[in-house]
Amino acid sequence: MKAFVTVIGKDKIGIIQRVTTIFKENSVNILDINQTLIEDYFVMIMFIDLSSMQIDFKELKTELEGISNELEVSIKIQHEDIFNSMHKI
């Protein structure tokens, strides 16, 4: 199973490190990552592979929500099939 993760918020030190640490600790593989700064805002999208993940999707989402609150950024995760169906013309 694969998913997309988006992170958006005021730029600050440690955003990438906190998100990727959760992935490392749970055997989530980052297949692609793109990030940019738009003025003071950090924007990142990641395509991840969950096939070796050691927790369920809901637990991963909960962990990401926790650091989202801590870092004061928006972190959203969506299964690949849902993302694709929402962005199909």
PDB file of N, CA and C in Angstrom:
ATOM      1  N   MET A   1       0.843  -1.171   0.000  1.00  0.00           N
ATOM      2  CA  MET A   1       0.000   0.000   0.000  1.00  0.00           C
ATOM      3  C   MET A   1       0.892   1.240   0.000  1.00  0.00           C
ATOM      4  N   LYS A   2       0.423   2.254  -0.722  1.00  0.00           N
ATOM      5  CA  LYS A   2       1.167   3.508  -0.811  1.00  0.00           C
ATOM      6  C   LYS A   2       0.255   4.662  -0.413  1.00  0.00           C
ATOM      7  N   ALA A   3       0.873   5.791  -0.057  1.00  0.00           N
ATOM      8  CA  ALA A   3       0.103   6.953   0.381  1.00  0.00           C
ATOM      9  C   ALA A   3       0.848   8.233   0.054  1.00  0.00           C
ATOM     10  N   PHE A   4       0.104   9.325   0.076  1.00  0.00           N
ATOM     11  CA  PHE A   4       0.666  10.659  -0.071  1.00  0.00           C
ATOM     12  C   PHE A   4       0.576  11.373   1.265  1.00  0.00           C
ATOM     13  N   VAL A   5       1.623  12.123   1.595  1.00  0.00           N
ATOM     14  CA  VAL A   5       1.651  12.929   2.816  1.00  0.00           C
ATOM     15  C   VAL A   5       1.954  14.362   2.407  1.00  0.00           C
ATOM     16  N   THR A   6       1.160  15.301   2.909  1.00  0.00           N
ATOM     17  CA  THR A   6       1.435  16.715   2.678  1.00  0.00           C
ATOM     18  C   THR A   6       1.688  17.396   4.015  1.00  0.00           C
ATOM     19  N   VAL A   7       2.643  18.314   4.002  1.00  0.00           N
ATOM     20  CA  VAL A   7       2.984  19.093   5.198  1.00  0.00           C
ATOM     21  C   VAL A   7       3.034  20.558   4.774  1.00  0.00           C
ATOM     22  N   ILE A   8       2.251  21.395   5.455  1.00  0.00           N
ATOM     23  CA  ILE A   8       2.203  22.820   5.123  1.00  0.00           C
ATOM     24  C   ILE A   8       2.161  23.621   6.415  1.00  0.00           C
ATOM     25  N   GLY A   9       2.995  24.657   6.490  1.00  0.00           N
ATOM     26  CA  GLY A   9       2.960  25.527   7.658  1.00  0.00           C
ATOM     27  C   GLY A   9       4.116  26.505   7.664  1.00  0.00           C
ATOM     28  N   LYS A  10       4.150  27.340   8.678  1.00  0.00           N
ATOM     29  CA  LYS A  10       5.256  28.287   8.839  1.00  0.00           C
ATOM     30  C   LYS A  10       6.560  27.501   8.923  1.00  0.00           C
ATOM     31  N   ASP A  11       7.571  27.960   8.209  1.00  0.00           N
ATOM     32  CA  ASP A  11       8.859  27.278   8.205  1.00  0.00           C
ATOM     33  C   ASP A  11       9.515  27.357   9.580  1.00  0.00           C
ATOM     34  N   LYS A  12      10.069  26.225  10.005  1.00  0.00           N
ATOM     35  CA  LYS A  12      10.843  26.187  11.245  1.00  0.00           C
ATOM     36  C   LYS A  12      11.785  24.994  11.189  1.00  0.00           C
ATOM     37  N   ILE A  13      12.795  25.018  11.999  1.00  0.00           N
ATOM     38  CA  ILE A  13      13.792  23.950  12.046  1.00  0.00           C
ATOM     39  C   ILE A  13      13.151  22.663  12.548  1.00  0.00           C
ATOM     40  N   GLY A  14      13.439  21.552  11.866  1.00  0.00           N
ATOM     41  CA  GLY A  14      13.059  20.237  12.364  1.00  0.00           C
ATOM     42  C   GLY A  14      11.824  19.602  11.769  1.00  0.00           C
ATOM     43  N   ILE A  15      11.132  20.274  10.859  1.00  0.00           N
ATOM     44  CA  ILE A  15       9.904  19.694  10.307  1.00  0.00           C
ATOM     45  C   ILE A  15      10.200  18.381   9.582  1.00  0.00           C
ATOM     46  N   ILE A  16      11.130  18.402   8.643  1.00  0.00           N
ATOM     47  CA  ILE A  16      11.447  17.188   7.878  1.00  0.00           C
ATOM     48  C   ILE A  16      11.957  16.099   8.814  1.00  0.00           C
ATOM     49  N   GLN A  17      12.815  16.463   9.740  1.00  0.00           N
ATOM     50  CA  GLN A  17      13.390  15.487  10.674  1.00  0.00           C
ATOM     51  C   GLN A  17      12.311  14.793  11.498  1.00  0.00           C
ATOM     52  N   ARG A  18      11.340  15.529  12.004  1.00  0.00           N
ATOM     53  CA  ARG A  18      10.294  14.935  12.855  1.00  0.00           C
ATOM     54  C   ARG A  18       9.419  13.969  12.057  1.00  0.00           C
ATOM     55  N   VAL A  19       9.033  14.374  10.842  1.00  0.00           N
ATOM     56  CA  VAL A  19       8.177  13.518  10.016  1.00  0.00           C
ATOM     57  C   VAL A  19       8.925  12.258   9.597  1.00  0.00           C
ATOM     58  N   THR A  20      10.154  12.425   9.112  1.00  0.00           N
ATOM     59  CA  THR A  20      10.898  11.261   8.629  1.00  0.00           C
ATOM     60  C   THR A  20      11.323  10.329   9.761  1.00  0.00           C
ATOM     61  N   THR A  21      11.490  10.846  10.961  1.00  0.00           N
ATOM     62  CA  THR A  21      11.804   9.979  12.105  1.00  0.00           C
ATOM     63  C   THR A  21      10.647   9.025  12.384  1.00  0.00           C
ATOM     64  N   ILE A  22       9.422   9.515  12.321  1.00  0.00           N
ATOM     65  CA  ILE A  22       8.256   8.642  12.506  1.00  0.00           C
ATOM     66  C   ILE A  22       8.248   7.552  11.437  1.00  0.00           C
ATOM     67  N   PHE A  23       8.562   7.930  10.200  1.00  0.00           N
ATOM     68  CA  PHE A  23       8.600   6.938   9.132  1.00  0.00           C
ATOM     69  C   PHE A  23       9.688   5.897   9.390  1.00  0.00           C
ATOM     70  N   LYS A  24      10.863   6.337   9.768  1.00  0.00           N
ATOM     71  CA  LYS A  24      11.975   5.415  10.036  1.00  0.00           C
ATOM     72  C   LYS A  24      11.619   4.445  11.155  1.00  0.00           C
ATOM     73  N   GLU A  25      11.057   4.969  12.228  1.00  0.00           N
ATOM     74  CA  GLU A  25      10.724   4.133  13.386  1.00  0.00           C
ATOM     75  C   GLU A  25       9.667   3.080  13.070  1.00  0.00           C
ATOM     76  N   ASN A  26       8.885   3.289  12.014  1.00  0.00           N
ATOM     77  CA  ASN A  26       7.795   2.378  11.674  1.00  0.00           C
ATOM     78  C   ASN A  26       7.973   1.695  10.324  1.00  0.00           C
ATOM     79  N   SER A  27       9.203   1.713   9.792  1.00  0.00           N
ATOM     80  CA  SER A  27       9.551   1.047   8.528  1.00  0.00           C
ATOM     81  C   SER A  27       8.717   1.523   7.340  1.00  0.00           C
ATOM     82  N   VAL A  28       8.496   2.822   7.276  1.00  0.00           N
ATOM     83  CA  VAL A  28       7.813   3.436   6.139  1.00  0.00           C
ATOM     84  C   VAL A  28       8.896   3.953   5.196  1.00  0.00           C
ATOM     85  N   ASN A  29       8.801   3.570   3.924  1.00  0.00           N
ATOM     86  CA  ASN A  29       9.803   3.961   2.940  1.00  0.00           C
ATOM     87  C   ASN A  29       9.322   5.182   2.155  1.00  0.00           C
ATOM     88  N   ILE A  30      10.166   6.197   2.054  1.00  0.00           N
ATOM     89  CA  ILE A  30       9.846   7.390   1.265  1.00  0.00           C
ATOM     90  C   ILE A  30      10.280   7.122  -0.175  1.00  0.00           C
ATOM     91  N   LEU A  31       9.305   7.086  -1.082  1.00  0.00           N
ATOM     92  CA  LEU A  31       9.583   6.821  -2.489  1.00  0.00           C
ATOM     93  C   LEU A  31       9.935   8.096  -3.247  1.00  0.00           C
ATOM     94  N   ASP A  32       9.295   9.190  -2.869  1.00  0.00           N
ATOM     95  CA  ASP A  32       9.555  10.472  -3.525  1.00  0.00           C
ATOM     96  C   ASP A  32       9.234  11.584  -2.537  1.00  0.00           C
ATOM     97  N   ILE A  33       9.992  12.656  -2.614  1.00  0.00           N
ATOM     98  CA  ILE A  33       9.785  13.789  -1.713  1.00  0.00           C
ATOM     99  C   ILE A  33      10.085  15.071  -2.475  1.00  0.00           C
ATOM    100  N   ASN A  34       9.238  16.061  -2.263  1.00  0.00           N
ATOM    101  CA  ASN A  34       9.443  17.365  -2.876  1.00  0.00           C
ATOM    102  C   ASN A  34       9.057  18.409  -1.843  1.00  0.00           C
ATOM    103  N   GLN A  35       9.914  19.385  -1.654  1.00  0.00           N
ATOM    104  CA  GLN A  35       9.610  20.441  -0.690  1.00  0.00           C
ATOM    105  C   GLN A  35      10.086  21.771  -1.231  1.00  0.00           C
ATOM    106  N   THR A  36       9.406  22.813  -0.780  1.00  0.00           N
ATOM    107  CA  THR A  36       9.758  24.162  -1.205  1.00  0.00           C
ATOM    108  C   THR A  36       9.374  25.149  -0.111  1.00  0.00           C
ATOM    109  N   LEU A  37       9.901  26.329  -0.215  1.00  0.00           N
ATOM    110  CA  LEU A  37       9.505  27.433   0.656  1.00  0.00           C
ATOM    111  C   LEU A  37       8.813  28.479  -0.200  1.00  0.00           C
ATOM    112  N   ILE A  38       7.654  28.924   0.251  1.00  0.00           N
ATOM    113  CA  ILE A  38       6.929  30.006  -0.398  1.00  0.00           C
ATOM    114  C   ILE A  38       6.831  31.113   0.642  1.00  0.00           C
ATOM    115  N   GLU A  39       7.691  32.118   0.476  1.00  0.00           N
ATOM    116  CA  GLU A  39       7.897  33.154   1.484  1.00  0.00           C
ATOM    117  C   GLU A  39       8.260  32.476   2.807  1.00  0.00           C
ATOM    118  N   ASP A  40       7.445  32.608   3.844  1.00  0.00           N
ATOM    119  CA  ASP A  40       7.764  31.994   5.141  1.00  0.00           C
ATOM    120  C   ASP A  40       7.108  30.629   5.328  1.00  0.00           C
ATOM    121  N   TYR A  41       6.486  30.106   4.281  1.00  0.00           N
ATOM    122  CA  TYR A  41       5.741  28.855   4.417  1.00  0.00           C
ATOM    123  C   TYR A  41       6.497  27.679   3.813  1.00  0.00           C
ATOM    124  N   PHE A  42       6.526  26.606   4.580  1.00  0.00           N
ATOM    125  CA  PHE A  42       7.136  25.346   4.178  1.00  0.00           C
ATOM    126  C   PHE A  42       6.036  24.478   3.577  1.00  0.00           C
ATOM    127  N   VAL A  43       6.310  23.894   2.394  1.00  0.00           N
ATOM    128  CA  VAL A  43       5.352  23.018   1.726  1.00  0.00           C
ATOM    129  C   VAL A  43       6.099  21.762   1.289  1.00  0.00           C
ATOM    130  N   MET A  44       5.582  20.592   1.689  1.00  0.00           N
ATOM    131  CA  MET A  44       6.237  19.336   1.325  1.00  0.00           C
ATOM    132  C   MET A  44       5.180  18.304   0.960  1.00  0.00           C
ATOM    133  N   ILE A  45       5.477  17.513  -0.062  1.00  0.00           N
ATOM    134  CA  ILE A  45       4.646  16.369  -0.405  1.00  0.00           C
ATOM    135  C   ILE A  45       5.559  15.161  -0.524  1.00  0.00           C
ATOM    136  N   MET A  46       5.106  14.058   0.049  1.00  0.00           N
ATOM    137  CA  MET A  46       5.870  12.813   0.002  1.00  0.00           C
ATOM    138  C   MET A  46       4.978  11.692  -0.514  1.00  0.00           C
ATOM    139  N   PHE A  47       5.563  10.803  -1.290  1.00  0.00           N
ATOM    140  CA  PHE A  47       4.902   9.580  -1.727  1.00  0.00           C
ATOM    141  C   PHE A  47       5.596   8.458  -0.972  1.00  0.00           C
ATOM    142  N   ILE A  48       4.843   7.702  -0.176  1.00  0.00           N
ATOM    143  CA  ILE A  48       5.451   6.720   0.718  1.00  0.00           C
ATOM    144  C   ILE A  48       4.905   5.315   0.476  1.00  0.00           C
ATOM    145  N   ASP A  49       5.727   4.328   0.802  1.00  0.00           N
ATOM    146  CA  ASP A  49       5.361   2.917   0.704  1.00  0.00           C
ATOM    147  C   ASP A  49       5.122   2.393   2.113  1.00  0.00           C
ATOM    148  N   LEU A  50       3.922   1.873   2.351  1.00  0.00           N
ATOM    149  CA  LEU A  50       3.539   1.400   3.676  1.00  0.00           C
ATOM    150  C   LEU A  50       3.602  -0.118   3.802  1.00  0.00           C
ATOM    151  N   SER A  51       4.078  -0.814   2.779  1.00  0.00           N
ATOM    152  CA  SER A  51       4.000  -2.279   2.765  1.00  0.00           C
ATOM    153  C   SER A  51       4.798  -2.954   3.877  1.00  0.00           C
ATOM    154  N   SER A  52       5.825  -2.318   4.403  1.00  0.00           N
ATOM    155  CA  SER A  52       6.613  -2.898   5.506  1.00  0.00           C
ATOM    156  C   SER A  52       6.314  -2.236   6.843  1.00  0.00           C
ATOM    157  N   MET A  53       5.306  -1.376   6.870  1.00  0.00           N
ATOM    158  CA  MET A  53       4.988  -0.612   8.069  1.00  0.00           C
ATOM    159  C   MET A  53       4.633  -1.537   9.233  1.00  0.00           C
ATOM    160  N   GLN A  54       5.080  -1.153  10.424  1.00  0.00           N
ATOM    161  CA  GLN A  54       4.914  -1.996  11.604  1.00  0.00           C
ATOM    162  C   GLN A  54       3.731  -1.591  12.480  1.00  0.00           C
ATOM    163  N   ILE A  55       2.979  -0.580  12.069  1.00  0.00           N
ATOM    164  CA  ILE A  55       1.760  -0.183  12.775  1.00  0.00           C
ATOM    165  C   ILE A  55       0.662  -0.054  11.725  1.00  0.00           C
ATOM    166  N   ASP A  56      -0.586   0.088  12.155  1.00  0.00           N
ATOM    167  CA  ASP A  56      -1.629   0.244  11.145  1.00  0.00           C
ATOM    168  C   ASP A  56      -1.749   1.707  10.714  1.00  0.00           C
ATOM    169  N   PHE A  57      -2.472   1.918   9.638  1.00  0.00           N
ATOM    170  CA  PHE A  57      -2.595   3.246   9.030  1.00  0.00           C
ATOM    171  C   PHE A  57      -3.137   4.268  10.026  1.00  0.00           C
ATOM    172  N   LYS A  58      -4.138   3.867  10.798  1.00  0.00           N
ATOM    173  CA  LYS A  58      -4.755   4.780  11.767  1.00  0.00           C
ATOM    174  C   LYS A  58      -3.743   5.233  12.823  1.00  0.00           C
ATOM    175  N   GLU A  59      -2.890   4.311  13.275  1.00  0.00           N
ATOM    176  CA  GLU A  59      -1.858   4.671  14.260  1.00  0.00           C
ATOM    177  C   GLU A  59      -0.843   5.651  13.666  1.00  0.00           C
ATOM    178  N   LEU A  60      -0.447   5.415  12.412  1.00  0.00           N
ATOM    179  CA  LEU A  60       0.486   6.330  11.750  1.00  0.00           C
ATOM    180  C   LEU A  60      -0.138   7.720  11.637  1.00  0.00           C
ATOM    181  N   LYS A  61      -1.403   7.759  11.241  1.00  0.00           N
ATOM    182  CA  LYS A  61      -2.108   9.036  11.123  1.00  0.00           C
ATOM    183  C   LYS A  61      -2.143   9.754  12.473  1.00  0.00           C
ATOM    184  N   THR A  62      -2.384   9.016  13.548  1.00  0.00           N
ATOM    185  CA  THR A  62      -2.417   9.600  14.893  1.00  0.00           C
ATOM    186  C   THR A  62      -1.054  10.164  15.279  1.00  0.00           C
ATOM    187  N   GLU A  63       0.014   9.431  14.975  1.00  0.00           N
ATOM    188  CA  GLU A  63       1.367   9.925  15.272  1.00  0.00           C
ATOM    189  C   GLU A  63       1.666  11.210  14.500  1.00  0.00           C
ATOM    190  N   LEU A  64       1.270  11.244  13.232  1.00  0.00           N
ATOM    191  CA  LEU A  64       1.492  12.442  12.419  1.00  0.00           C
ATOM    192  C   LEU A  64       0.672  13.622  12.938  1.00  0.00           C
ATOM    193  N   GLU A  65      -0.551  13.355  13.389  1.00  0.00           N
ATOM    194  CA  GLU A  65      -1.373  14.424  13.972  1.00  0.00           C
ATOM    195  C   GLU A  65      -0.714  14.993  15.226  1.00  0.00           C
ATOM    196  N   GLY A  66      -0.070  14.126  16.007  1.00  0.00           N
ATOM    197  CA  GLY A  66       0.622  14.580  17.214  1.00  0.00           C
ATOM    198  C   GLY A  66       1.741  15.561  16.910  1.00  0.00           C
ATOM    199  N   ILE A  67       2.574  15.237  15.914  1.00  0.00           N
ATOM    200  CA  ILE A  67       3.656  16.172  15.596  1.00  0.00           C
ATOM    201  C   ILE A  67       3.134  17.381  14.832  1.00  0.00           C
ATOM    202  N   SER A  68       2.001  17.219  14.152  1.00  0.00           N
ATOM    203  CA  SER A  68       1.366  18.353  13.488  1.00  0.00           C
ATOM    204  C   SER A  68       1.006  19.423  14.515  1.00  0.00           C
ATOM    205  N   ASN A  69       0.425  18.995  15.615  1.00  0.00           N
ATOM    206  CA  ASN A  69       0.073  19.935  16.689  1.00  0.00           C
ATOM    207  C   ASN A  69       1.320  20.527  17.328  1.00  0.00           C
ATOM    208  N   GLU A  70       2.308  19.680  17.566  1.00  0.00           N
ATOM    209  CA  GLU A  70       3.562  20.120  18.197  1.00  0.00           C
ATOM    210  C   GLU A  70       4.289  21.163  17.347  1.00  0.00           C
ATOM    211  N   LEU A  71       4.354  20.929  16.037  1.00  0.00           N
ATOM    212  CA  LEU A  71       5.083  21.818  15.128  1.00  0.00           C
ATOM    213  C   LEU A  71       4.221  22.959  14.589  1.00  0.00           C
ATOM    214  N   GLU A  72       2.924  22.906  14.876  1.00  0.00           N
ATOM    215  CA  GLU A  72       1.972  23.907  14.378  1.00  0.00           C
ATOM    216  C   GLU A  72       1.972  23.975  12.855  1.00  0.00           C
ATOM    217  N   VAL A  73       1.921  22.793  12.225  1.00  0.00           N
ATOM    218  CA  VAL A  73       1.810  22.671  10.774  1.00  0.00           C
ATOM    219  C   VAL A  73       0.650  21.726  10.469  1.00  0.00           C
ATOM    220  N   SER A  74       0.193  21.749   9.237  1.00  0.00           N
ATOM    221  CA  SER A  74      -0.839  20.820   8.786  1.00  0.00           C
ATOM    222  C   SER A  74      -0.150  19.615   8.157  1.00  0.00           C
ATOM    223  N   ILE A  75      -0.470  18.415   8.656  1.00  0.00           N
ATOM    224  CA  ILE A  75       0.060  17.184   8.071  1.00  0.00           C
ATOM    225  C   ILE A  75      -1.129  16.304   7.718  1.00  0.00           C
ATOM    226  N   LYS A  76      -1.248  15.953   6.454  1.00  0.00           N
ATOM    227  CA  LYS A  76      -2.340  15.109   5.969  1.00  0.00           C
ATOM    228  C   LYS A  76      -1.752  13.883   5.291  1.00  0.00           C
ATOM    229  N   ILE A  77      -2.382  12.730   5.514  1.00  0.00           N
ATOM    230  CA  ILE A  77      -1.975  11.494   4.857  1.00  0.00           C
ATOM    231  C   ILE A  77      -3.199  10.896   4.184  1.00  0.00           C
ATOM    232  N   GLN A  78      -3.014  10.414   2.948  1.00  0.00           N
ATOM    233  CA  GLN A  78      -4.098   9.837   2.169  1.00  0.00           C
ATOM    234  C   GLN A  78      -3.605   8.616   1.425  1.00  0.00           C
ATOM    235  N   HIS A  79      -4.415   7.547   1.443  1.00  0.00           N
ATOM    236  CA  HIS A  79      -4.095   6.374   0.634  1.00  0.00           C
ATOM    237  C   HIS A  79      -3.968   6.799  -0.830  1.00  0.00           C
ATOM    238  N   GLU A  80      -3.083   6.145  -1.547  1.00  0.00           N
ATOM    239  CA  GLU A  80      -2.838   6.480  -2.953  1.00  0.00           C
ATOM    240  C   GLU A  80      -4.114   6.407  -3.786  1.00  0.00           C
ATOM    241  N   ASP A  81      -4.933   5.372  -3.600  1.00  0.00           N
ATOM    242  CA  ASP A  81      -6.134   5.221  -4.419  1.00  0.00           C
ATOM    243  C   ASP A  81      -7.134   6.351  -4.181  1.00  0.00           C
ATOM    244  N   ILE A  82      -7.260   6.810  -2.951  1.00  0.00           N
ATOM    245  CA  ILE A  82      -8.158   7.931  -2.645  1.00  0.00           C
ATOM    246  C   ILE A  82      -7.609   9.213  -3.266  1.00  0.00           C
ATOM    247  N   PHE A  83      -6.309   9.442  -3.104  1.00  0.00           N
ATOM    248  CA  PHE A  83      -5.677  10.624  -3.695  1.00  0.00           C
ATOM    249  C   PHE A  83      -5.895  10.649  -5.204  1.00  0.00           C
ATOM    250  N   ASN A  84      -5.653   9.511  -5.856  1.00  0.00           N
ATOM    251  CA  ASN A  84      -5.792   9.444  -7.314  1.00  0.00           C
ATOM    252  C   ASN A  84      -7.229   9.672  -7.761  1.00  0.00           C
ATOM    253  N   SER A  85      -8.199   9.108  -7.046  1.00  0.00           N
ATOM    254  CA  SER A  85      -9.597   9.289  -7.451  1.00  0.00           C
ATOM    255  C   SER A  85     -10.053  10.734  -7.263  1.00  0.00           C
ATOM    256  N   MET A  86      -9.508  11.419  -6.275  1.00  0.00           N
ATOM    257  CA  MET A  86      -9.875  12.816  -6.038  1.00  0.00           C
ATOM    258  C   MET A  86      -9.241  13.765  -7.052  1.00  0.00           C
ATOM    259  N   HIS A  87      -8.143  13.354  -7.667  1.00  0.00           N
ATOM    260  CA  HIS A  87      -7.410  14.239  -8.571  1.00  0.00           C
ATOM    261  C   HIS A  87      -7.469  13.774 -10.023  1.00  0.00           C
ATOM    262  N   LYS A  88      -8.486  12.997 -10.341  1.00  0.00           N
ATOM    263  CA  LYS A  88      -8.670  12.519 -11.702  1.00  0.00           C
ATOM    264  C   LYS A  88      -9.578  13.480 -12.457  1.00  0.00           C
ATOM    265  N   ILE A  89      -9.214  13.767 -13.684  1.00  0.00           N
ATOM    266  CA  ILE A  89     -10.041  14.675 -14.498  1.00  0.00           C
ATOM    267  C   ILE A  89     -11.084  13.860 -15.225  1.00  0.00           C
TER     268      ILE A  89
END
